[in-house]
Amino acid sequence: MTTQRKAYRASILHSVADPKDVGIDESLTIRFEDRVLVVENGHVVDLGHADARY
C-alpha cells in the first residue's frame, strides 16, 4: 500500500460546536496561528508550529 502524506501550512481553527447551531463566535475556542497540519492517508497525523517543527 502506498502512503500518501501531505502537509498544509495555515492558521488552524478548533471548533467545539456546529456554527449553524450555536453561531460562529460560540463555536470557535482556539485559533492556532502559522501551523503545519500533516495528513497521511486521509487522517491527521501531526499538528505543530511551522517554525518549530518544519
PDB file of N, CA and C in Angstrom:
ATOM      1  N   MET A   1       0.831  -1.184   0.000  1.00  0.00           N
ATOM      2  CA  MET A   1       0.000   0.000   0.000  1.00  0.00           C
ATOM      3  C   MET A   1       0.877   1.250   0.000  1.00  0.00           C
ATOM      4  N   THR A   2       0.579   2.173  -0.864  1.00  0.00           N
ATOM      5  CA  THR A   2       1.324   3.414  -0.970  1.00  0.00           C
ATOM      6  C   THR A   2       0.811   4.417   0.065  1.00  0.00           C
ATOM      7  N   THR A   3       1.729   5.003   0.811  1.00  0.00           N
ATOM      8  CA  THR A   3       1.368   6.017   1.796  1.00  0.00           C
ATOM      9  C   THR A   3       1.326   7.372   1.118  1.00  0.00           C
ATOM     10  N   GLN A   4       0.236   8.085   1.315  1.00  0.00           N
ATOM     11  CA  GLN A   4       0.109   9.449   0.793  1.00  0.00           C
ATOM     12  C   GLN A   4       0.131  10.408   1.967  1.00  0.00           C
ATOM     13  N   ARG A   5       1.096  11.315   1.956  1.00  0.00           N
ATOM     14  CA  ARG A   5       1.247  12.286   3.040  1.00  0.00           C
ATOM     15  C   ARG A   5       1.293  13.679   2.435  1.00  0.00           C
ATOM     16  N   LYS A   6       0.526  14.587   3.030  1.00  0.00           N
ATOM     17  CA  LYS A   6       0.527  15.985   2.610  1.00  0.00           C
ATOM     18  C   LYS A   6       0.621  16.860   3.841  1.00  0.00           C
ATOM     19  N   ALA A   7       1.270  18.009   3.692  1.00  0.00           N
ATOM     20  CA  ALA A   7       1.378  18.984   4.771  1.00  0.00           C
ATOM     21  C   ALA A   7       0.753  20.287   4.301  1.00  0.00           C
ATOM     22  N   TYR A   8      -0.020  20.898   5.190  1.00  0.00           N
ATOM     23  CA  TYR A   8      -0.701  22.155   4.898  1.00  0.00           C
ATOM     24  C   TYR A   8      -0.269  23.186   5.931  1.00  0.00           C
ATOM     25  N   ARG A   9       0.228  24.316   5.470  1.00  0.00           N
ATOM     26  CA  ARG A   9       0.627  25.396   6.375  1.00  0.00           C
ATOM     27  C   ARG A   9      -0.457  26.458   6.350  1.00  0.00           C
ATOM     28  N   ALA A  10      -1.008  26.752   7.535  1.00  0.00           N
ATOM     29  CA  ALA A  10      -2.124  27.696   7.620  1.00  0.00           C
ATOM     30  C   ALA A  10      -2.432  28.000   9.077  1.00  0.00           C
ATOM     31  N   SER A  11      -3.403  28.872   9.292  1.00  0.00           N
ATOM     32  CA  SER A  11      -3.991  29.047  10.618  1.00  0.00           C
ATOM     33  C   SER A  11      -5.035  27.954  10.784  1.00  0.00           C
ATOM     34  N   ILE A  12      -5.075  27.363  11.963  1.00  0.00           N
ATOM     35  CA  ILE A  12      -5.990  26.253  12.235  1.00  0.00           C
ATOM     36  C   ILE A  12      -7.032  26.724  13.248  1.00  0.00           C
ATOM     37  N   LEU A  13      -8.292  26.484  12.946  1.00  0.00           N
ATOM     38  CA  LEU A  13      -9.383  26.819  13.856  1.00  0.00           C
ATOM     39  C   LEU A  13      -9.890  25.545  14.515  1.00  0.00           C
ATOM     40  N   HIS A  14     -10.126  25.615  15.806  1.00  0.00           N
ATOM     41  CA  HIS A  14     -10.697  24.478  16.534  1.00  0.00           C
ATOM     42  C   HIS A  14     -12.147  24.815  16.865  1.00  0.00           C
ATOM     43  N   SER A  15     -13.048  24.022  16.356  1.00  0.00           N
ATOM     44  CA  SER A  15     -14.473  24.255  16.557  1.00  0.00           C
ATOM     45  C   SER A  15     -15.019  23.228  17.535  1.00  0.00           C
ATOM     46  N   VAL A  16     -15.726  23.693  18.572  1.00  0.00           N
ATOM     47  CA  VAL A  16     -16.276  22.792  19.580  1.00  0.00           C
ATOM     48  C   VAL A  16     -17.756  22.517  19.366  1.00  0.00           C
ATOM     49  N   ALA A  17     -18.347  23.210  18.413  1.00  0.00           N
ATOM     50  CA  ALA A  17     -19.770  23.016  18.111  1.00  0.00           C
ATOM     51  C   ALA A  17     -20.029  23.417  16.671  1.00  0.00           C
ATOM     52  N   ASP A  18     -21.153  23.026  16.154  1.00  0.00           N
ATOM     53  CA  ASP A  18     -21.536  23.378  14.794  1.00  0.00           C
ATOM     54  C   ASP A  18     -21.975  24.839  14.765  1.00  0.00           C
ATOM     55  N   PRO A  19     -21.310  25.681  13.953  1.00  0.00           N
ATOM     56  CA  PRO A  19     -21.656  27.100  13.899  1.00  0.00           C
ATOM     57  C   PRO A  19     -23.117  27.360  13.551  1.00  0.00           C
ATOM     58  N   LYS A  20     -23.737  26.497  12.762  1.00  0.00           N
ATOM     59  CA  LYS A  20     -25.134  26.726  12.418  1.00  0.00           C
ATOM     60  C   LYS A  20     -26.056  26.533  13.621  1.00  0.00           C
ATOM     61  N   ASP A  21     -25.583  25.794  14.631  1.00  0.00           N
ATOM     62  CA  ASP A  21     -26.384  25.567  15.831  1.00  0.00           C
ATOM     63  C   ASP A  21     -26.162  26.624  16.904  1.00  0.00           C
ATOM     64  N   VAL A  22     -24.908  27.088  17.067  1.00  0.00           N
ATOM     65  CA  VAL A  22     -24.597  27.999  18.179  1.00  0.00           C
ATOM     66  C   VAL A  22     -24.054  29.355  17.732  1.00  0.00           C
ATOM     67  N   GLY A  23     -23.815  29.544  16.442  1.00  0.00           N
ATOM     68  CA  GLY A  23     -23.230  30.787  15.942  1.00  0.00           C
ATOM     69  C   GLY A  23     -21.722  30.661  15.857  1.00  0.00           C
ATOM     70  N   ILE A  24     -21.120  31.425  14.965  1.00  0.00           N
ATOM     71  CA  ILE A  24     -19.680  31.306  14.700  1.00  0.00           C
ATOM     72  C   ILE A  24     -18.837  31.683  15.913  1.00  0.00           C
ATOM     73  N   ASP A  25     -19.213  32.737  16.635  1.00  0.00           N
ATOM     74  CA  ASP A  25     -18.405  33.167  17.779  1.00  0.00           C
ATOM     75  C   ASP A  25     -18.413  32.146  18.908  1.00  0.00           C
ATOM     76  N   GLU A  26     -19.511  31.474  19.120  1.00  0.00           N
ATOM     77  CA  GLU A  26     -19.607  30.481  20.188  1.00  0.00           C
ATOM     78  C   GLU A  26     -19.004  29.135  19.802  1.00  0.00           C
ATOM     79  N   SER A  27     -18.852  28.885  18.527  1.00  0.00           N
ATOM     80  CA  SER A  27     -18.348  27.575  18.100  1.00  0.00           C
ATOM     81  C   SER A  27     -16.825  27.493  18.121  1.00  0.00           C
ATOM     82  N   LEU A  28     -16.131  28.614  18.024  1.00  0.00           N
ATOM     83  CA  LEU A  28     -14.667  28.616  17.978  1.00  0.00           C
ATOM     84  C   LEU A  28     -14.083  28.889  19.352  1.00  0.00           C
ATOM     85  N   THR A  29     -13.133  28.068  19.776  1.00  0.00           N
ATOM     86  CA  THR A  29     -12.497  28.294  21.067  1.00  0.00           C
ATOM     87  C   THR A  29     -11.015  28.610  20.941  1.00  0.00           C
ATOM     88  N   ILE A  30     -10.346  28.033  19.956  1.00  0.00           N
ATOM     89  CA  ILE A  30      -8.905  28.216  19.828  1.00  0.00           C
ATOM     90  C   ILE A  30      -8.549  28.449  18.367  1.00  0.00           C
ATOM     91  N   ARG A  31      -7.655  29.385  18.144  1.00  0.00           N
ATOM     92  CA  ARG A  31      -7.119  29.599  16.803  1.00  0.00           C
ATOM     93  C   ARG A  31      -5.600  29.464  16.887  1.00  0.00           C
ATOM     94  N   PHE A  32      -5.066  28.539  16.121  1.00  0.00           N
ATOM     95  CA  PHE A  32      -3.626  28.301  16.092  1.00  0.00           C
ATOM     96  C   PHE A  32      -3.047  29.026  14.882  1.00  0.00           C
ATOM     97  N   GLU A  33      -2.173  29.983  15.111  1.00  0.00           N
ATOM     98  CA  GLU A  33      -1.549  30.740  14.027  1.00  0.00           C
ATOM     99  C   GLU A  33      -0.316  30.014  13.498  1.00  0.00           C
ATOM    100  N   ASP A  34      -0.116  30.083  12.199  1.00  0.00           N
ATOM    101  CA  ASP A  34       1.066  29.576  11.500  1.00  0.00           C
ATOM    102  C   ASP A  34       1.433  28.158  11.918  1.00  0.00           C
ATOM    103  N   ARG A  35       0.587  27.225  11.586  1.00  0.00           N
ATOM    104  CA  ARG A  35       0.781  25.814  11.927  1.00  0.00           C
ATOM    105  C   ARG A  35       0.948  24.972  10.677  1.00  0.00           C
ATOM    106  N   VAL A  36       1.450  23.778  10.869  1.00  0.00           N
ATOM    107  CA  VAL A  36       1.513  22.791   9.803  1.00  0.00           C
ATOM    108  C   VAL A  36       0.672  21.597  10.238  1.00  0.00           C
ATOM    109  N   LEU A  37      -0.272  21.230   9.392  1.00  0.00           N
ATOM    110  CA  LEU A  37      -1.145  20.086   9.610  1.00  0.00           C
ATOM    111  C   LEU A  37      -0.707  19.000   8.638  1.00  0.00           C
ATOM    112  N   VAL A  38      -0.334  17.835   9.161  1.00  0.00           N
ATOM    113  CA  VAL A  38       0.132  16.734   8.319  1.00  0.00           C
ATOM    114  C   VAL A  38      -0.972  15.680   8.241  1.00  0.00           C
ATOM    115  N   VAL A  39      -1.334  15.327   7.011  1.00  0.00           N
ATOM    116  CA  VAL A  39      -2.388  14.341   6.755  1.00  0.00           C
ATOM    117  C   VAL A  39      -1.763  13.161   6.022  1.00  0.00           C
ATOM    118  N   GLU A  40      -1.999  11.973   6.553  1.00  0.00           N
ATOM    119  CA  GLU A  40      -1.480  10.751   5.942  1.00  0.00           C
ATOM    120  C   GLU A  40      -2.640   9.797   5.685  1.00  0.00           C
ATOM    121  N   ASN A  41      -2.819   9.442   4.426  1.00  0.00           N
ATOM    122  CA  ASN A  41      -3.910   8.541   4.024  1.00  0.00           C
ATOM    123  C   ASN A  41      -5.268   8.999   4.550  1.00  0.00           C
ATOM    124  N   GLY A  42      -5.494  10.312   4.531  1.00  0.00           N
ATOM    125  CA  GLY A  42      -6.788  10.863   4.921  1.00  0.00           C
ATOM    126  C   GLY A  42      -6.975  11.097   6.405  1.00  0.00           C
ATOM    127  N   HIS A  43      -5.924  10.876   7.215  1.00  0.00           N
ATOM    128  CA  HIS A  43      -6.021  11.054   8.662  1.00  0.00           C
ATOM    129  C   HIS A  43      -4.978  12.057   9.141  1.00  0.00           C
ATOM    130  N   VAL A  44      -5.358  12.914  10.071  1.00  0.00           N
ATOM    131  CA  VAL A  44      -4.402  13.854  10.655  1.00  0.00           C
ATOM    132  C   VAL A  44      -3.429  13.065  11.507  1.00  0.00           C
ATOM    133  N   VAL A  45      -2.131  13.248  11.232  1.00  0.00           N
ATOM    134  CA  VAL A  45      -1.108  12.529  11.989  1.00  0.00           C
ATOM    135  C   VAL A  45      -0.195  13.459  12.780  1.00  0.00           C
ATOM    136  N   ASP A  46      -0.232  14.749  12.489  1.00  0.00           N
ATOM    137  CA  ASP A  46       0.613  15.685  13.220  1.00  0.00           C
ATOM    138  C   ASP A  46       0.093  17.103  13.045  1.00  0.00           C
ATOM    139  N   LEU A  47       0.314  17.911  14.070  1.00  0.00           N
ATOM    140  CA  LEU A  47      -0.018  19.336  14.047  1.00  0.00           C
ATOM    141  C   LEU A  47       1.024  20.037  14.882  1.00  0.00           C
ATOM    142  N   GLY A  48       1.685  21.014  14.300  1.00  0.00           N
ATOM    143  CA  GLY A  48       2.705  21.716  15.059  1.00  0.00           C
ATOM    144  C   GLY A  48       2.944  23.107  14.513  1.00  0.00           C
ATOM    145  N   HIS A  49       3.675  23.898  15.290  1.00  0.00           N
ATOM    146  CA  HIS A  49       4.013  25.257  14.867  1.00  0.00           C
ATOM    147  C   HIS A  49       4.989  25.182  13.708  1.00  0.00           C
ATOM    148  N   ALA A  50       4.744  25.948  12.687  1.00  0.00           N
ATOM    149  CA  ALA A  50       5.528  25.853  11.448  1.00  0.00           C
ATOM    150  C   ALA A  50       7.010  26.138  11.666  1.00  0.00           C
ATOM    151  N   ASP A  51       7.343  27.147  12.450  1.00  0.00           N
ATOM    152  CA  ASP A  51       8.752  27.495  12.652  1.00  0.00           C
ATOM    153  C   ASP A  51       9.503  26.469  13.508  1.00  0.00           C
ATOM    154  N   ALA A  52       8.830  25.872  14.457  1.00  0.00           N
ATOM    155  CA  ALA A  52       9.495  24.964  15.378  1.00  0.00           C
ATOM    156  C   ALA A  52       9.664  23.554  14.826  1.00  0.00           C
ATOM    157  N   ARG A  53       8.770  23.134  13.937  1.00  0.00           N
ATOM    158  CA  ARG A  53       8.748  21.740  13.531  1.00  0.00           C
ATOM    159  C   ARG A  53       9.161  21.503  12.088  1.00  0.00           C
ATOM    160  N   TYR A  54       9.023  22.504  11.228  1.00  0.00           N
ATOM    161  CA  TYR A  54       9.211  22.228   9.803  1.00  0.00           C
ATOM    162  C   TYR A  54      10.106  23.235   9.162  1.00  0.00           C
TER     163      TYR A  54
END
